[in-house]
């Protein structure tokens, strides 16, 4: 095993999707996660996030509960119909 494999760089980068209508929160979470080595996509529009969501693309979805148009719990249910295996973390500030 070479040193790259030992360091974990040979592994596929984990992908995270952030959906939060607060742009400041989205940017902050994105910066922290990217600095930690994750590939991050983010949306401040829950409708657009849902329309662009694809199965088997993300390892984790970080989802705000309180959003306009589509509340977090409803969006959770809609995402799970597309990808029943994706892990989703719900939060509220």
PDB file of N, CA and C in Angstrom:
ATOM      1  N   UNK A   1       0.840  -1.173   0.000  1.00  0.00           N
ATOM      2  CA  UNK A   1       0.000   0.000   0.000  1.00  0.00           C
ATOM      3  C   UNK A   1       0.885   1.237   0.000  1.00  0.00           C
ATOM      4  N   UNK A   2       0.629   2.179  -0.906  1.00  0.00           N
ATOM      5  CA  UNK A   2       1.450   3.383  -0.945  1.00  0.00           C
ATOM      6  C   UNK A   2       0.950   4.428   0.046  1.00  0.00           C
ATOM      7  N   UNK A   3       1.710   5.522   0.199  1.00  0.00           N
ATOM      8  CA  UNK A   3       1.369   6.531   1.201  1.00  0.00           C
ATOM      9  C   UNK A   3       0.068   7.251   0.871  1.00  0.00           C
ATOM     10  N   UNK A   4      -0.296   7.355  -0.411  1.00  0.00           N
ATOM     11  CA  UNK A   4      -1.561   7.994  -0.767  1.00  0.00           C
ATOM     12  C   UNK A   4      -2.745   7.177  -0.274  1.00  0.00           C
ATOM     13  N   UNK A   5      -2.644   5.873  -0.402  1.00  0.00           N
ATOM     14  CA  UNK A   5      -3.731   5.018   0.059  1.00  0.00           C
ATOM     15  C   UNK A   5      -3.845   5.073   1.576  1.00  0.00           C
ATOM     16  N   UNK A   6      -2.712   5.142   2.274  1.00  0.00           N
ATOM     17  CA  UNK A   6      -2.743   5.223   3.718  1.00  0.00           C
ATOM     18  C   UNK A   6      -3.379   6.519   4.203  1.00  0.00           C
ATOM     19  N   UNK A   7      -3.179   7.603   3.467  1.00  0.00           N
ATOM     20  CA  UNK A   7      -3.713   8.892   3.904  1.00  0.00           C
ATOM     21  C   UNK A   7      -5.201   9.034   3.592  1.00  0.00           C
ATOM     22  N   UNK A   8      -5.766   8.111   2.859  1.00  0.00           N
ATOM     23  CA  UNK A   8      -7.182   8.169   2.535  1.00  0.00           C
ATOM     24  C   UNK A   8      -7.475   8.936   1.269  1.00  0.00           C
ATOM     25  N   UNK A   9      -6.463   9.475   0.607  1.00  0.00           N
ATOM     26  CA  UNK A   9      -6.705  10.257  -0.601  1.00  0.00           C
ATOM     27  C   UNK A   9      -7.142   9.380  -1.769  1.00  0.00           C
ATOM     28  N   UNK A  10      -6.963   8.066  -1.652  1.00  0.00           N
ATOM     29  CA  UNK A  10      -7.399   7.159  -2.699  1.00  0.00           C
ATOM     30  C   UNK A  10      -8.890   6.881  -2.635  1.00  0.00           C
ATOM     31  N   UNK A  11      -9.534   7.301  -1.545  1.00  0.00           N
ATOM     32  CA  UNK A  11     -10.956   7.078  -1.396  1.00  0.00           C
ATOM     33  C   UNK A  11     -11.734   8.184  -2.099  1.00  0.00           C
ATOM     34  N   UNK A  12     -12.938   7.839  -2.510  1.00  0.00           N
ATOM     35  CA  UNK A  12     -13.804   8.830  -3.154  1.00  0.00           C
ATOM     36  C   UNK A  12     -14.227   9.873  -2.128  1.00  0.00           C
ATOM     37  N   UNK A  13     -14.186  11.129  -2.542  1.00  0.00           N
ATOM     38  CA  UNK A  13     -14.557  12.237  -1.675  1.00  0.00           C
ATOM     39  C   UNK A  13     -16.050  12.158  -1.356  1.00  0.00           C
ATOM     40  N   UNK A  14     -16.407  12.298  -0.082  1.00  0.00           N
ATOM     41  CA  UNK A  14     -17.809  12.270   0.341  1.00  0.00           C
ATOM     42  C   UNK A  14     -18.506  13.539  -0.130  1.00  0.00           C
ATOM     43  N   UNK A  15     -19.761  13.383  -0.559  1.00  0.00           N
ATOM     44  CA  UNK A  15     -20.546  14.520  -1.067  1.00  0.00           C
ATOM     45  C   UNK A  15     -21.668  14.859  -0.096  1.00  0.00           C
ATOM     46  N   UNK A  16     -21.802  16.139   0.174  1.00  0.00           N
ATOM     47  CA  UNK A  16     -22.825  16.637   1.086  1.00  0.00           C
ATOM     48  C   UNK A  16     -23.642  17.703   0.371  1.00  0.00           C
ATOM     49  N   UNK A  17     -24.948  17.674   0.590  1.00  0.00           N
ATOM     50  CA  UNK A  17     -25.848  18.688   0.076  1.00  0.00           C
ATOM     51  C   UNK A  17     -26.414  19.473   1.247  1.00  0.00           C
ATOM     52  N   UNK A  18     -26.313  20.802   1.178  1.00  0.00           N
ATOM     53  CA  UNK A  18     -26.875  21.680   2.202  1.00  0.00           C
ATOM     54  C   UNK A  18     -28.061  22.416   1.587  1.00  0.00           C
ATOM     55  N   UNK A  19     -29.200  22.379   2.293  1.00  0.00           N
ATOM     56  CA  UNK A  19     -30.381  23.117   1.853  1.00  0.00           C
ATOM     57  C   UNK A  19     -30.848  23.977   3.024  1.00  0.00           C
ATOM     58  N   UNK A  20     -30.705  25.284   2.867  1.00  0.00           N
ATOM     59  CA  UNK A  20     -31.074  26.236   3.913  1.00  0.00           C
ATOM     60  C   UNK A  20     -31.389  27.562   3.237  1.00  0.00           C
ATOM     61  N   UNK A  21     -32.515  28.164   3.581  1.00  0.00           N
ATOM     62  CA  UNK A  21     -32.899  29.429   2.947  1.00  0.00           C
ATOM     63  C   UNK A  21     -32.074  30.616   3.449  1.00  0.00           C
ATOM     64  N   UNK A  22     -31.266  30.427   4.473  1.00  0.00           N
ATOM     65  CA  UNK A  22     -30.401  31.485   4.999  1.00  0.00           C
ATOM     66  C   UNK A  22     -29.036  31.403   4.311  1.00  0.00           C
ATOM     67  N   UNK A  23     -28.725  32.366   3.434  1.00  0.00           N
ATOM     68  CA  UNK A  23     -27.452  32.306   2.695  1.00  0.00           C
ATOM     69  C   UNK A  23     -26.222  32.332   3.599  1.00  0.00           C
ATOM     70  N   UNK A  24     -26.291  33.055   4.710  1.00  0.00           N
ATOM     71  CA  UNK A  24     -25.146  33.105   5.626  1.00  0.00           C
ATOM     72  C   UNK A  24     -24.866  31.744   6.239  1.00  0.00           C
ATOM     73  N   UNK A  25     -25.904  31.053   6.648  1.00  0.00           N
ATOM     74  CA  UNK A  25     -25.731  29.713   7.223  1.00  0.00           C
ATOM     75  C   UNK A  25     -25.187  28.755   6.165  1.00  0.00           C
ATOM     76  N   UNK A  26     -25.735  28.824   4.960  1.00  0.00           N
ATOM     77  CA  UNK A  26     -25.301  27.949   3.879  1.00  0.00           C
ATOM     78  C   UNK A  26     -23.818  28.149   3.571  1.00  0.00           C
ATOM     79  N   UNK A  27     -23.389  29.395   3.477  1.00  0.00           N
ATOM     80  CA  UNK A  27     -21.981  29.694   3.179  1.00  0.00           C
ATOM     81  C   UNK A  27     -21.077  29.213   4.306  1.00  0.00           C
ATOM     82  N   UNK A  28     -21.492  29.450   5.540  1.00  0.00           N
ATOM     83  CA  UNK A  28     -20.679  29.039   6.691  1.00  0.00           C
ATOM     84  C   UNK A  28     -20.501  27.522   6.735  1.00  0.00           C
ATOM     85  N   UNK A  29     -21.607  26.782   6.634  1.00  0.00           N
ATOM     86  CA  UNK A  29     -21.526  25.315   6.650  1.00  0.00           C
ATOM     87  C   UNK A  29     -20.678  24.809   5.487  1.00  0.00           C
ATOM     88  N   UNK A  30     -20.884  25.404   4.338  1.00  0.00           N
ATOM     89  CA  UNK A  30     -20.141  24.984   3.144  1.00  0.00           C
ATOM     90  C   UNK A  30     -18.634  25.158   3.342  1.00  0.00           C
ATOM     91  N   UNK A  31     -18.224  26.325   3.839  1.00  0.00           N
ATOM     92  CA  UNK A  31     -16.795  26.593   4.041  1.00  0.00           C
ATOM     93  C   UNK A  31     -16.177  25.602   5.030  1.00  0.00           C
ATOM     94  N   UNK A  32     -16.854  25.363   6.137  1.00  0.00           N
ATOM     95  CA  UNK A  32     -16.334  24.445   7.156  1.00  0.00           C
ATOM     96  C   UNK A  32     -16.207  23.030   6.595  1.00  0.00           C
ATOM     97  N   UNK A  33     -17.229  22.569   5.886  1.00  0.00           N
ATOM     98  CA  UNK A  33     -17.207  21.209   5.344  1.00  0.00           C
ATOM     99  C   UNK A  33     -16.182  21.045   4.227  1.00  0.00           C
ATOM    100  N   UNK A  34     -16.060  22.042   3.357  1.00  0.00           N
ATOM    101  CA  UNK A  34     -15.054  21.967   2.295  1.00  0.00           C
ATOM    102  C   UNK A  34     -13.647  21.993   2.881  1.00  0.00           C
ATOM    103  N   UNK A  35     -13.429  22.787   3.926  1.00  0.00           N
ATOM    104  CA  UNK A  35     -12.129  22.805   4.602  1.00  0.00           C
ATOM    105  C   UNK A  35     -11.808  21.461   5.243  1.00  0.00           C
ATOM    106  N   UNK A  36     -12.846  20.687   5.550  1.00  0.00           N
ATOM    107  CA  UNK A  36     -12.661  19.357   6.137  1.00  0.00           C
ATOM    108  C   UNK A  36     -12.540  18.269   5.077  1.00  0.00           C
ATOM    109  N   UNK A  37     -12.561  18.664   3.795  1.00  0.00           N
ATOM    110  CA  UNK A  37     -12.313  17.702   2.726  1.00  0.00           C
ATOM    111  C   UNK A  37     -13.532  17.144   2.023  1.00  0.00           C
ATOM    112  N   UNK A  38     -14.713  17.683   2.300  1.00  0.00           N
ATOM    113  CA  UNK A  38     -15.922  17.189   1.658  1.00  0.00           C
ATOM    114  C   UNK A  38     -16.220  17.967   0.383  1.00  0.00           C
ATOM    115  N   UNK A  39     -16.890  17.319  -0.555  1.00  0.00           N
ATOM    116  CA  UNK A  39     -17.419  17.975  -1.747  1.00  0.00           C
ATOM    117  C   UNK A  39     -18.819  18.431  -1.372  1.00  0.00           C
ATOM    118  N   UNK A  40     -19.082  19.732  -1.484  1.00  0.00           N
ATOM    119  CA  UNK A  40     -20.338  20.290  -0.988  1.00  0.00           C
ATOM    120  C   UNK A  40     -21.088  21.029  -2.087  1.00  0.00           C
ATOM    121  N   UNK A  41     -22.378  20.746  -2.191  1.00  0.00           N
ATOM    122  CA  UNK A  41     -23.300  21.524  -3.009  1.00  0.00           C
ATOM    123  C   UNK A  41     -24.292  22.163  -2.053  1.00  0.00           C
ATOM    124  N   UNK A  42     -24.814  23.329  -2.425  1.00  0.00           N
ATOM    125  CA  UNK A  42     -25.768  23.985  -1.534  1.00  0.00           C
ATOM    126  C   UNK A  42     -26.819  24.742  -2.324  1.00  0.00           C
ATOM    127  N   UNK A  43     -27.976  24.864  -1.684  1.00  0.00           N
ATOM    128  CA  UNK A  43     -29.093  25.604  -2.252  1.00  0.00           C
ATOM    129  C   UNK A  43     -29.738  26.436  -1.156  1.00  0.00           C
ATOM    130  N   UNK A  44     -30.165  27.648  -1.517  1.00  0.00           N
ATOM    131  CA  UNK A  44     -30.968  28.464  -0.614  1.00  0.00           C
ATOM    132  C   UNK A  44     -32.440  28.414  -1.018  1.00  0.00           C
ATOM    133  N   UNK A  45     -32.725  27.785  -2.135  1.00  0.00           N
ATOM    134  CA  UNK A  45     -34.092  27.624  -2.630  1.00  0.00           C
ATOM    135  C   UNK A  45     -34.471  26.143  -2.546  1.00  0.00           C
ATOM    136  N   UNK A  46     -35.374  25.777  -1.624  1.00  0.00           N
ATOM    137  CA  UNK A  46     -35.719  24.363  -1.471  1.00  0.00           C
ATOM    138  C   UNK A  46     -36.380  23.751  -2.703  1.00  0.00           C
ATOM    139  N   UNK A  47     -37.120  24.529  -3.466  1.00  0.00           N
ATOM    140  CA  UNK A  47     -37.758  24.010  -4.685  1.00  0.00           C
ATOM    141  C   UNK A  47     -36.696  23.649  -5.719  1.00  0.00           C
ATOM    142  N   UNK A  48     -35.744  24.527  -5.914  1.00  0.00           N
ATOM    143  CA  UNK A  48     -34.656  24.269  -6.850  1.00  0.00           C
ATOM    144  C   UNK A  48     -33.813  23.072  -6.391  1.00  0.00           C
ATOM    145  N   UNK A  49     -33.577  22.985  -5.096  1.00  0.00           N
ATOM    146  CA  UNK A  49     -32.824  21.843  -4.555  1.00  0.00           C
ATOM    147  C   UNK A  49     -33.535  20.537  -4.869  1.00  0.00           C
ATOM    148  N   UNK A  50     -34.840  20.509  -4.673  1.00  0.00           N
ATOM    149  CA  UNK A  50     -35.620  19.297  -4.947  1.00  0.00           C
ATOM    150  C   UNK A  50     -35.610  18.949  -6.437  1.00  0.00           C
ATOM    151  N   UNK A  51     -35.785  19.952  -7.285  1.00  0.00           N
ATOM    152  CA  UNK A  51     -35.805  19.716  -8.731  1.00  0.00           C
ATOM    153  C   UNK A  51     -34.478  19.157  -9.232  1.00  0.00           C
ATOM    154  N   UNK A  52     -33.375  19.539  -8.597  1.00  0.00           N
ATOM    155  CA  UNK A  52     -32.048  19.107  -9.048  1.00  0.00           C
ATOM    156  C   UNK A  52     -31.494  17.907  -8.278  1.00  0.00           C
ATOM    157  N   UNK A  53     -32.227  17.424  -7.292  1.00  0.00           N
ATOM    158  CA  UNK A  53     -31.740  16.302  -6.486  1.00  0.00           C
ATOM    159  C   UNK A  53     -31.721  15.027  -7.311  1.00  0.00           C
ATOM    160  N   UNK A  54     -30.610  14.281  -7.197  1.00  0.00           N
ATOM    161  CA  UNK A  54     -30.461  13.025  -7.936  1.00  0.00           C
ATOM    162  C   UNK A  54     -30.108  11.904  -6.957  1.00  0.00           C
ATOM    163  N   UNK A  55     -30.670  10.747  -7.199  1.00  0.00           N
ATOM    164  CA  UNK A  55     -30.405   9.577  -6.353  1.00  0.00           C
ATOM    165  C   UNK A  55     -28.940   9.166  -6.445  1.00  0.00           C
ATOM    166  N   UNK A  56     -28.424   8.647  -5.348  1.00  0.00           N
ATOM    167  CA  UNK A  56     -27.075   8.077  -5.261  1.00  0.00           C
ATOM    168  C   UNK A  56     -25.958   9.090  -5.502  1.00  0.00           C
ATOM    169  N   UNK A  57     -26.244  10.370  -5.373  1.00  0.00           N
ATOM    170  CA  UNK A  57     -25.222  11.386  -5.577  1.00  0.00           C
ATOM    171  C   UNK A  57     -24.610  11.847  -4.256  1.00  0.00           C
ATOM    172  N   UNK A  58     -25.430  11.926  -3.213  1.00  0.00           N
ATOM    173  CA  UNK A  58     -24.974  12.484  -1.938  1.00  0.00           C
ATOM    174  C   UNK A  58     -24.890  11.419  -0.847  1.00  0.00           C
ATOM    175  N   UNK A  59     -23.901  11.603   0.015  1.00  0.00           N
ATOM    176  CA  UNK A  59     -23.759  10.753   1.191  1.00  0.00           C
ATOM    177  C   UNK A  59     -24.584  11.299   2.352  1.00  0.00           C
ATOM    178  N   UNK A  60     -24.792  12.621   2.353  1.00  0.00           N
ATOM    179  CA  UNK A  60     -25.513  13.279   3.437  1.00  0.00           C
ATOM    180  C   UNK A  60     -26.202  14.524   2.908  1.00  0.00           C
ATOM    181  N   UNK A  61     -27.425  14.761   3.390  1.00  0.00           N
ATOM    182  CA  UNK A  61     -28.143  16.005   3.131  1.00  0.00           C
ATOM    183  C   UNK A  61     -28.327  16.699   4.470  1.00  0.00           C
ATOM    184  N   UNK A  62     -27.906  17.955   4.555  1.00  0.00           N
ATOM    185  CA  UNK A  62     -28.113  18.771   5.748  1.00  0.00           C
ATOM    186  C   UNK A  62     -29.248  19.731   5.409  1.00  0.00           C
ATOM    187  N   UNK A  63     -30.339  19.633   6.162  1.00  0.00           N
ATOM    188  CA  UNK A  63     -31.593  20.251   5.765  1.00  0.00           C
ATOM    189  C   UNK A  63     -32.192  21.085   6.891  1.00  0.00           C
ATOM    190  N   UNK A  64     -32.449  22.362   6.608  1.00  0.00           N
ATOM    191  CA  UNK A  64     -33.110  23.253   7.560  1.00  0.00           C
ATOM    192  C   UNK A  64     -34.588  22.892   7.648  1.00  0.00           C
ATOM    193  N   UNK A  65     -35.132  22.871   8.842  1.00  0.00           N
ATOM    194  CA  UNK A  65     -36.547  22.526   9.031  1.00  0.00           C
ATOM    195  C   UNK A  65     -37.454  23.681   8.628  1.00  0.00           C
ATOM    196  N   UNK A  66     -37.053  24.897   8.985  1.00  0.00           N
ATOM    197  CA  UNK A  66     -37.914  26.070   8.768  1.00  0.00           C
ATOM    198  C   UNK A  66     -37.507  26.800   7.485  1.00  0.00           C
ATOM    199  N   UNK A  67     -38.251  26.509   6.410  1.00  0.00           N
ATOM    200  CA  UNK A  67     -37.989  27.174   5.135  1.00  0.00           C
ATOM    201  C   UNK A  67     -39.320  27.541   4.490  1.00  0.00           C
ATOM    202  N   UNK A  68     -39.329  28.598   3.674  1.00  0.00           N
ATOM    203  CA  UNK A  68     -40.567  28.966   2.978  1.00  0.00           C
ATOM    204  C   UNK A  68     -40.859  28.003   1.824  1.00  0.00           C
ATOM    205  N   UNK A  69     -42.053  27.983   1.391  1.00  0.00           N
ATOM    206  CA  UNK A  69     -42.564  27.208   0.262  1.00  0.00           C
ATOM    207  C   UNK A  69     -42.607  25.713   0.567  1.00  0.00           C
ATOM    208  N   UNK A  70     -41.457  25.115   0.855  1.00  0.00           N
ATOM    209  CA  UNK A  70     -41.412  23.693   1.229  1.00  0.00           C
ATOM    210  C   UNK A  70     -40.704  23.593   2.584  1.00  0.00           C
ATOM    211  N   UNK A  71     -41.436  23.203   3.615  1.00  0.00           N
ATOM    212  CA  UNK A  71     -40.832  23.025   4.940  1.00  0.00           C
ATOM    213  C   UNK A  71     -39.873  21.837   4.909  1.00  0.00           C
ATOM    214  N   UNK A  72     -38.928  21.847   5.814  1.00  0.00           N
ATOM    215  CA  UNK A  72     -37.900  20.816   5.852  1.00  0.00           C
ATOM    216  C   UNK A  72     -38.431  19.395   5.957  1.00  0.00           C
ATOM    217  N   UNK A  73     -39.466  19.182   6.781  1.00  0.00           N
ATOM    218  CA  UNK A  73     -39.999  17.830   6.932  1.00  0.00           C
ATOM    219  C   UNK A  73     -40.631  17.323   5.633  1.00  0.00           C
ATOM    220  N   UNK A  74     -41.319  18.195   4.914  1.00  0.00           N
ATOM    221  CA  UNK A  74     -41.906  17.801   3.636  1.00  0.00           C
ATOM    222  C   UNK A  74     -40.815  17.529   2.605  1.00  0.00           C
ATOM    223  N   UNK A  75     -39.799  18.378   2.574  1.00  0.00           N
ATOM    224  CA  UNK A  75     -38.683  18.168   1.649  1.00  0.00           C
ATOM    225  C   UNK A  75     -37.960  16.865   1.972  1.00  0.00           C
ATOM    226  N   UNK A  76     -37.811  16.561   3.246  1.00  0.00           N
ATOM    227  CA  UNK A  76     -37.225  15.284   3.675  1.00  0.00           C
ATOM    228  C   UNK A  76     -37.984  14.116   3.032  1.00  0.00           C
ATOM    229  N   UNK A  77     -39.301  14.143   3.133  1.00  0.00           N
ATOM    230  CA  UNK A  77     -40.119  13.065   2.581  1.00  0.00           C
ATOM    231  C   UNK A  77     -39.959  12.971   1.059  1.00  0.00           C
ATOM    232  N   UNK A  78     -39.928  14.110   0.390  1.00  0.00           N
ATOM    233  CA  UNK A  78     -39.791  14.124  -1.067  1.00  0.00           C
ATOM    234  C   UNK A  78     -38.420  13.575  -1.497  1.00  0.00           C
ATOM    235  N   UNK A  79     -37.372  13.974  -0.780  1.00  0.00           N
ATOM    236  CA  UNK A  79     -36.022  13.487  -1.101  1.00  0.00           C
ATOM    237  C   UNK A  79     -35.943  11.979  -0.898  1.00  0.00           C
ATOM    238  N   UNK A  80     -36.551  11.488   0.177  1.00  0.00           N
ATOM    239  CA  UNK A  80     -36.513  10.047   0.466  1.00  0.00           C
ATOM    240  C   UNK A  80     -37.235   9.222  -0.602  1.00  0.00           C
ATOM    241  N   UNK A  81     -38.200   9.821  -1.309  1.00  0.00           N
ATOM    242  CA  UNK A  81     -38.855   9.086  -2.398  1.00  0.00           C
ATOM    243  C   UNK A  81     -37.920   8.938  -3.595  1.00  0.00           C
ATOM    244  N   UNK A  82     -36.960   9.857  -3.725  1.00  0.00           N
ATOM    245  CA  UNK A  82     -35.984   9.780  -4.809  1.00  0.00           C
ATOM    246  C   UNK A  82     -34.819   8.875  -4.429  1.00  0.00           C
ATOM    247  N   UNK A  83     -34.348   9.004  -3.182  1.00  0.00           N
ATOM    248  CA  UNK A  83     -33.192   8.229  -2.704  1.00  0.00           C
ATOM    249  C   UNK A  83     -33.454   7.795  -1.270  1.00  0.00           C
ATOM    250  N   UNK A  84     -33.962   6.594  -1.109  1.00  0.00           N
ATOM    251  CA  UNK A  84     -34.339   6.105   0.224  1.00  0.00           C
ATOM    252  C   UNK A  84     -33.133   5.811   1.111  1.00  0.00           C
ATOM    253  N   UNK A  85     -31.946   5.737   0.528  1.00  0.00           N
ATOM    254  CA  UNK A  85     -30.751   5.383   1.280  1.00  0.00           C
ATOM    255  C   UNK A  85     -29.959   6.595   1.796  1.00  0.00           C
ATOM    256  N   UNK A  86     -30.200   7.787   1.266  1.00  0.00           N
ATOM    257  CA  UNK A  86     -29.416   8.950   1.658  1.00  0.00           C
ATOM    258  C   UNK A  86     -29.700   9.311   3.124  1.00  0.00           C
ATOM    259  N   UNK A  87     -28.639   9.677   3.825  1.00  0.00           N
ATOM    260  CA  UNK A  87     -28.779  10.112   5.213  1.00  0.00           C
ATOM    261  C   UNK A  87     -29.138  11.600   5.209  1.00  0.00           C
ATOM    262  N   UNK A  88     -30.084  11.968   6.072  1.00  0.00           N
ATOM    263  CA  UNK A  88     -30.513  13.360   6.141  1.00  0.00           C
ATOM    264  C   UNK A  88     -30.451  13.835   7.576  1.00  0.00           C
ATOM    265  N   UNK A  89     -29.801  14.975   7.761  1.00  0.00           N
ATOM    266  CA  UNK A  89     -29.690  15.610   9.070  1.00  0.00           C
ATOM    267  C   UNK A  89     -30.582  16.858   9.055  1.00  0.00           C
ATOM    268  N   UNK A  90     -31.604  16.873   9.903  1.00  0.00           N
ATOM    269  CA  UNK A  90     -32.506  18.008  10.011  1.00  0.00           C
ATOM    270  C   UNK A  90     -32.045  18.903  11.160  1.00  0.00           C
ATOM    271  N   UNK A  91     -32.156  20.212  10.979  1.00  0.00           N
ATOM    272  CA  UNK A  91     -31.813  21.140  12.059  1.00  0.00           C
ATOM    273  C   UNK A  91     -32.654  22.400  11.952  1.00  0.00           C
ATOM    274  N   UNK A  92     -32.671  23.151  13.025  1.00  0.00           N
ATOM    275  CA  UNK A  92     -33.377  24.423  13.045  1.00  0.00           C
ATOM    276  C   UNK A  92     -32.594  25.390  13.918  1.00  0.00           C
ATOM    277  N   UNK A  93     -32.446  26.607  13.441  1.00  0.00           N
ATOM    278  CA  UNK A  93     -31.756  27.634  14.221  1.00  0.00           C
ATOM    279  C   UNK A  93     -32.743  28.582  14.849  1.00  0.00           C
TER     280      UNK A  93
END
